[in-house]
Protein backbone atom coordinates (compact mmCIF):
# COMPACT_ATOMS: atom_id res chain seq x y z
CA UNK A 1 70.64 65.57 -2.38
CA UNK A 2 71.19 69.05 -1.09
CA UNK A 3 71.32 72.38 -2.90
CA UNK A 4 75.08 72.62 -1.73
CA UNK A 5 76.01 69.03 -3.11
CA UNK A 6 73.91 70.02 -6.46
CA UNK A 7 75.94 72.88 -7.11
CA UNK A 8 79.11 70.88 -6.55
CA UNK A 9 77.93 68.40 -9.07
CA UNK A 10 77.39 71.20 -11.63
CA UNK A 11 80.86 72.79 -10.81
CA UNK A 12 82.48 69.51 -11.68
CA UNK A 13 80.26 69.17 -14.90
CA UNK A 14 81.69 72.72 -15.84
CA UNK A 15 85.26 71.97 -14.84
CA UNK A 16 85.49 68.17 -15.86
CA UNK A 17 88.32 67.67 -13.53
CA UNK A 18 87.88 67.24 -9.60
CA UNK A 19 90.92 69.44 -8.55
CA UNK A 20 89.72 72.18 -10.91
CA UNK A 21 86.33 72.16 -9.63
CA UNK A 22 87.50 71.88 -6.20
CA UNK A 23 89.68 75.05 -6.50
CA UNK A 24 87.01 76.82 -8.04
CA UNK A 25 84.60 75.82 -5.13
CA UNK A 26 87.26 76.59 -2.47
CA UNK A 27 87.01 73.07 -1.21
CA UNK A 28 89.71 70.48 -1.06
CA UNK A 29 89.59 67.79 -3.74
CA UNK A 30 89.02 64.69 -1.31
CA UNK A 31 86.07 66.63 0.11
CA UNK A 32 84.53 67.21 -3.34
CA UNK A 33 85.23 63.57 -4.43
CA UNK A 34 83.60 62.31 -0.96
CA UNK A 35 80.43 64.83 -1.90
CA UNK A 36 80.10 63.40 -5.20
CA UNK A 37 80.26 59.59 -4.02
CA UNK A 38 77.99 60.52 -1.26
CA UNK A 39 75.32 61.72 -4.17
CA UNK A 40 75.91 58.78 -6.34
CA UNK A 41 75.12 56.65 -3.14
CA UNK A 42 72.15 58.31 -2.29
CA UNK A 43 70.74 57.92 -6.19
CA UNK A 44 72.22 54.31 -6.54
CA UNK A 45 73.78 55.36 -9.89
CA UNK A 46 77.22 56.42 -11.28
CA UNK A 47 77.02 60.01 -12.43
CA UNK A 48 80.60 60.19 -13.79
CA UNK A 49 83.07 58.18 -15.72
CA UNK A 50 86.17 58.73 -14.17
CA UNK A 51 89.52 58.93 -16.42
CA UNK A 52 92.98 59.90 -15.81
CA UNK A 53 92.27 63.18 -18.10
CA UNK A 54 89.13 64.06 -16.10
CA UNK A 55 85.35 63.08 -15.63
CA UNK A 56 82.56 62.45 -18.33
CA UNK A 57 78.83 62.29 -17.52
CA UNK A 58 76.99 59.10 -17.50
CA UNK A 59 73.48 58.94 -18.84
CA UNK A 60 72.44 59.23 -15.17
CA UNK A 61 74.33 62.51 -14.81
CA UNK A 62 72.80 64.13 -17.96
CA UNK A 63 69.44 63.50 -16.61
CA UNK A 64 70.56 64.78 -13.01
CA UNK A 65 72.03 67.87 -14.79
CA UNK A 66 68.80 68.91 -16.22
CA UNK A 67 66.71 68.46 -13.19
CA UNK A 68 69.15 69.65 -10.63
CA UNK A 69 69.09 73.27 -12.46
CA UNK A 70 65.38 73.32 -12.16
CA UNK A 71 65.62 72.24 -8.41
CA UNK A 72 68.25 74.86 -7.59
CA UNK A 73 65.84 77.74 -8.97
CA UNK A 74 62.95 76.54 -7.40
CA UNK A 75 64.85 76.68 -3.99
CA UNK A 76 66.15 80.21 -4.95
CA UNK A 77 62.52 81.19 -5.67
CA UNK A 78 61.61 80.02 -2.22
CA UNK A 79 64.23 81.45 -0.09
CA UNK A 80 63.63 84.77 -1.96
CA UNK A 81 59.84 84.64 -1.35
CA UNK A 82 60.38 83.67 2.21
CA UNK A 83 62.75 86.48 2.67
CA UNK A 84 60.37 89.21 1.11
CA UNK A 85 57.50 87.95 3.28
CA UNK A 86 59.78 87.85 6.34
CA UNK A 87 61.21 91.36 5.96
CA UNK A 88 58.25 93.37 4.38
CA UNK A 89 60.71 94.92 1.81
CA UNK A 90 59.84 95.80 -1.68
CA UNK A 91 62.96 93.54 -2.42
CA UNK A 92 65.37 93.82 -5.28
CA UNK A 93 65.25 94.04 -9.12
CA UNK A 94 67.32 92.14 -11.33
CA UNK A 95 66.83 92.87 -15.00
CA UNK A 96 68.67 92.18 -18.43
CA UNK A 97 67.95 94.90 -20.90
CA UNK A 98 68.36 94.66 -24.93
CA UNK A 99 70.50 97.42 -26.48
CA UNK A 100 67.50 99.80 -27.55
CA UNK A 101 65.40 99.14 -24.69
CA UNK A 102 68.01 100.20 -22.63
CA UNK A 103 68.19 103.55 -23.78
CA UNK A 104 64.58 104.25 -24.56
CA UNK A 105 62.62 103.02 -21.64
CA UNK A 106 64.58 100.76 -19.61
CA UNK A 107 67.41 103.15 -17.79
CA UNK A 108 64.89 106.00 -17.38
CA UNK A 109 62.64 103.89 -15.60
CA UNK A 110 65.23 102.38 -13.19
CA UNK A 111 66.35 105.98 -12.30
CA UNK A 112 62.35 106.63 -11.46
CA UNK A 113 62.29 103.39 -9.63
CA UNK A 114 65.24 104.31 -7.41
CA UNK A 115 64.05 107.87 -6.51
CA UNK A 116 60.81 106.34 -5.42
CA UNK A 117 62.59 103.51 -3.43
CA UNK A 118 65.99 104.56 -2.76
CA UNK A 119 66.91 101.37 -0.77
CA UNK A 120 65.86 98.98 -3.42
CA UNK A 121 68.80 96.86 -4.90
CA UNK A 122 69.23 97.02 -8.51
CA UNK A 123 71.20 95.00 -10.99
CA UNK A 124 70.99 95.70 -14.70
CA UNK A 125 72.79 93.92 -17.58
CA UNK A 126 72.54 95.33 -21.20
CA UNK A 127 72.89 92.08 -23.65
CA UNK A 128 71.75 91.31 -27.17
CA UNK A 129 68.23 90.00 -27.18
CA UNK A 130 69.13 86.35 -27.53
CA UNK A 131 71.38 86.72 -24.21
CA UNK A 132 68.38 88.44 -22.53
CA UNK A 133 66.16 85.47 -22.99
CA UNK A 134 68.88 83.18 -21.72
CA UNK A 135 69.41 85.08 -18.51
CA UNK A 136 65.67 85.01 -17.93
CA UNK A 137 65.65 81.48 -18.54
CA UNK A 138 68.52 80.62 -16.42
CA UNK A 139 67.61 82.36 -13.61
CA UNK A 140 70.22 85.13 -13.55
CA UNK A 141 67.55 87.87 -13.95
CA UNK A 142 63.85 87.91 -13.04
CA UNK A 143 62.97 90.23 -15.98
CA UNK A 144 64.37 90.67 -19.61
CA UNK A 145 63.12 93.66 -21.91
CA UNK A 146 63.94 92.77 -25.45
CA UNK A 147 63.03 91.52 -28.78
CA UNK A 148 59.83 88.96 -28.38
CA UNK A 149 59.05 87.93 -31.76
CA UNK A 150 60.88 84.88 -31.42
CA UNK A 151 59.87 84.21 -27.93
CA UNK A 152 55.78 84.51 -28.28
CA UNK A 153 54.43 80.93 -27.92
CA UNK A 154 57.28 79.42 -26.12
CA UNK A 155 55.94 77.60 -23.08
CA UNK A 156 58.61 78.88 -20.60
CA UNK A 157 58.14 82.48 -21.03
CA UNK A 158 55.49 84.93 -20.69
CA UNK A 159 55.86 88.23 -22.91
CA UNK A 160 54.28 91.40 -22.84
CA UNK A 161 54.65 93.77 -26.03
CA UNK A 162 55.64 97.22 -24.86
CA UNK A 163 56.94 98.89 -27.64
CA UNK A 164 56.41 99.05 -31.43
CA UNK A 165 58.79 102.34 -32.85
CA UNK A 166 59.30 103.24 -36.07
CA UNK A 167 62.94 102.37 -37.02
CA UNK A 168 64.92 105.01 -39.28
CA UNK A 169 68.25 105.45 -40.70
CA UNK A 170 70.34 108.77 -39.55
CA UNK A 171 73.30 110.50 -40.97
CA UNK A 172 75.44 113.46 -40.14
CA UNK A 173 74.59 116.91 -41.56
CA UNK A 174 76.30 117.15 -45.34
CA UNK A 175 75.87 113.36 -45.84
CA UNK A 176 76.05 112.58 -49.68
CA UNK A 177 72.74 111.13 -49.74
CA UNK A 178 71.09 114.46 -48.40
CA UNK A 179 71.98 115.92 -51.64
CA UNK A 180 70.11 113.75 -53.86
CA UNK A 181 67.44 115.65 -56.08
CA UNK A 182 65.32 112.74 -56.31
CA UNK A 183 63.37 110.81 -53.44
CA UNK A 184 65.66 108.45 -51.58
CA UNK A 185 65.16 104.56 -51.47
CA UNK A 186 66.38 101.73 -49.36
CA UNK A 187 68.63 100.50 -52.04
CA UNK A 188 70.72 103.76 -52.14
CA UNK A 189 71.67 103.39 -48.58
CA UNK A 190 73.28 99.92 -48.93
CA UNK A 191 76.27 101.80 -50.62
CA UNK A 192 77.23 103.17 -47.04
CA UNK A 193 78.04 101.20 -43.82
CA UNK A 194 75.10 100.71 -41.13
CA UNK A 195 75.64 101.25 -37.51
CA UNK A 196 73.65 99.28 -35.18
CA UNK A 197 73.15 96.09 -32.94
CA UNK A 198 71.92 93.13 -35.16
CA UNK A 199 68.52 93.17 -36.17
CA UNK A 200 66.33 89.94 -35.70
CA UNK A 201 65.32 87.55 -38.71
CA UNK A 202 61.70 88.79 -38.16
CA UNK A 203 62.60 92.29 -39.14
CA UNK A 204 65.73 91.51 -41.44
CA UNK A 205 63.47 89.12 -43.91
CA UNK A 206 60.65 91.90 -44.44
CA UNK A 207 62.70 94.97 -44.46
CA UNK A 208 66.15 94.20 -46.43
CA UNK A 209 67.10 92.69 -49.94
CA UNK A 210 69.08 89.50 -50.69
CA UNK A 211 72.27 91.43 -51.39
CA UNK A 212 73.34 93.91 -48.70
CA UNK A 213 76.05 95.68 -50.50
CA UNK A 214 78.20 97.70 -47.73
CA UNK A 215 75.12 98.14 -44.99
CA UNK A 216 76.14 94.61 -43.63
CA UNK A 217 75.56 90.62 -43.90
CA UNK A 218 73.42 87.97 -42.77
CA UNK A 219 74.24 85.54 -40.24
CA UNK A 220 74.59 82.24 -41.76
CA UNK A 221 73.42 80.26 -38.73
CA UNK A 222 70.31 82.41 -37.47
CA UNK A 223 69.29 84.58 -40.46
CA UNK A 224 70.21 87.97 -38.21
CA UNK A 225 70.95 91.15 -40.22
CA UNK A 226 74.54 91.80 -38.82
CA UNK A 227 75.32 95.41 -39.62
CA UNK A 228 78.87 96.56 -41.12
CA UNK A 229 79.73 98.18 -37.74
CA UNK A 230 77.97 96.04 -34.85
CA UNK A 231 77.52 97.77 -31.64
CA UNK A 232 75.80 97.02 -28.45
CA UNK A 233 75.76 99.96 -26.74
CA UNK A 234 73.43 102.55 -28.97
CA UNK A 235 74.08 105.49 -27.16
CA UNK A 236 77.68 105.26 -28.68
CA UNK A 237 76.34 105.15 -32.32
CA UNK A 238 76.35 108.85 -32.84
CA UNK A 239 80.08 109.23 -32.49
CA UNK A 240 80.40 106.72 -35.77
CA UNK A 241 78.10 108.82 -37.67
CA UNK A 242 79.27 112.23 -36.88
CA UNK A 243 82.86 111.69 -38.64
CA UNK A 244 81.81 109.39 -41.21
CA UNK A 245 79.51 108.42 -44.12
CA UNK A 246 77.79 105.68 -41.83
CA UNK A 247 74.04 105.30 -41.42
CA UNK A 248 73.11 104.62 -37.89
CA UNK A 249 69.58 102.59 -37.27
CA UNK A 250 67.60 103.97 -34.55
CA UNK A 251 64.20 105.49 -33.55
CA UNK A 252 63.54 109.56 -33.10
CA UNK A 253 63.53 108.81 -29.34
CA UNK A 254 66.78 107.00 -29.21
CA UNK A 255 68.46 110.01 -30.88
CA UNK A 256 66.12 112.80 -29.76
CA UNK A 257 68.70 115.19 -28.13
CA UNK A 258 71.25 114.77 -31.22
CA UNK A 259 68.17 114.98 -33.59
CA UNK A 260 66.97 118.49 -32.19
CA UNK A 261 70.53 119.75 -32.01
CA UNK A 262 71.10 119.15 -35.39
CA UNK A 263 73.95 116.66 -34.76
CA UNK A 264 72.44 113.89 -36.82
CA UNK A 265 69.38 113.92 -39.29
CA UNK A 266 66.95 111.52 -40.24
CA UNK A 267 67.23 110.35 -43.76
CA UNK A 268 63.77 110.97 -45.75
CA UNK A 269 63.11 107.60 -46.88
CA UNK A 270 59.77 106.15 -47.83
CA UNK A 271 60.40 102.41 -48.25
CA UNK A 272 61.86 101.76 -44.73
CA UNK A 273 59.33 99.44 -42.88
CA UNK A 274 61.57 98.81 -39.67
CA UNK A 275 59.22 98.45 -36.37
CA UNK A 276 60.90 97.52 -33.12
CA UNK A 277 58.70 94.78 -31.40
CA UNK A 278 60.31 94.36 -27.77
CA UNK A 279 58.60 93.63 -24.22
CA UNK A 280 58.67 92.20 -20.94
CA UNK A 281 60.22 88.56 -20.46
CA UNK A 282 59.67 86.70 -17.70
CA UNK A 283 59.19 82.84 -16.73
CA UNK A 284 55.55 81.53 -16.26
CA UNK A 285 56.29 79.54 -13.26
CA UNK A 286 58.53 81.94 -11.59
CA UNK A 287 56.97 84.58 -9.16
CA UNK A 288 57.85 88.27 -9.53
CA UNK A 289 59.26 90.32 -6.55
CA UNK A 290 57.44 93.31 -5.58
CA UNK A 291 60.17 95.37 -7.09
CA UNK A 292 59.93 93.77 -10.64
CA UNK A 293 56.40 94.42 -10.79
CA UNK A 294 56.31 98.25 -9.65
CA UNK A 295 59.50 98.53 -12.14
CA UNK A 296 57.22 97.22 -14.85
CA UNK A 297 54.65 99.81 -14.24
CA UNK A 298 57.34 102.52 -14.10
CA UNK A 299 58.40 101.12 -17.76
CA UNK A 300 54.81 101.14 -19.02
CA UNK A 301 54.42 104.73 -18.13
CA UNK A 302 57.72 106.09 -19.52
CA UNK A 303 56.86 104.18 -22.73
CA UNK A 304 53.60 105.91 -23.00
CA UNK A 305 55.39 109.49 -22.79
CA UNK A 306 57.82 108.09 -25.60
CA UNK A 307 54.85 107.35 -27.68
CA UNK A 308 53.66 110.83 -27.21
CA UNK A 309 57.12 112.30 -27.70
CA UNK A 310 57.67 110.49 -31.01
CA UNK A 311 54.37 111.57 -32.43
CA UNK A 312 55.47 115.25 -32.24
CA UNK A 313 58.98 114.42 -33.70
CA UNK A 314 57.67 112.63 -36.46
CA UNK A 315 55.71 115.47 -37.56
CA UNK A 316 59.13 117.41 -37.50
CA UNK A 317 60.42 114.99 -39.83
CA UNK A 318 57.63 114.70 -42.04
CA UNK A 319 57.67 118.72 -42.50
CA UNK A 320 61.67 118.01 -43.45
CA UNK A 321 60.60 115.28 -45.99
CA UNK A 322 58.36 117.73 -47.64
CA UNK A 323 61.05 120.54 -47.81
CA UNK A 324 63.52 117.66 -49.11
CA UNK A 325 60.89 116.79 -51.83
């Protein structure tokens, strides 16, 4: 029951056909068939029901599927740790970033890490917060930085809170809402489409009313708020706002350059209680490579700088609110 044979077993599950699986693996169909037969012989059970149209897992096959994934992750961990010890190297960084953490501290920290350790190998993915957790769980990455509210308390993960940033709505200068003589309310913003990545259930239920108007809709499966314009790369949000009446969801650090340049304006809302809650996500039983631990320290430092900057920017927006009032 070698790692190679287990990977062939998983490939056959994925393709449900010996011919297609063999092609994907780059081996002959007879060789794959023999490998699976030897695996079944060693275990003394039948793993697949063979049918003319393909294969289907037996109960024994379902059990091995769950166990084999854990075994392969453990084998990968062992080889990685041995290589790091043998080479005396800081190793590699594999990280998945949620949309907003990527543009606040995620990418900046990667740049700082690379400046200090130019030989490090870096792989960074940006994905929705649920996909980030999945990549961590399956071993695709060693570390995730994303929304942690739904993951805290789950046995598989260790979560460390990083940032609680004040969320705001931004618009273009000259937006109709800015001409209001009275104080703006959240209800008034629902007459316009919102631009953002999806907002988790934890935030949506405390922030938004049952009826969302033009702002977006709730996901019927998980309760997430899905904005009218859903986008996974926040640095492109400003493009939507500059030439339309759409409203962008973000925090001051996300749009600092555009805010200071007067290209977008934070709406002077008094009843928007949106706060991010993102942090580190990693597996409890998986050792972290040295590069990941060094990167985490970089992120902590950048987050502290962001908190200080946002405090100054918030003072500027408070003064603007008074002027608007």
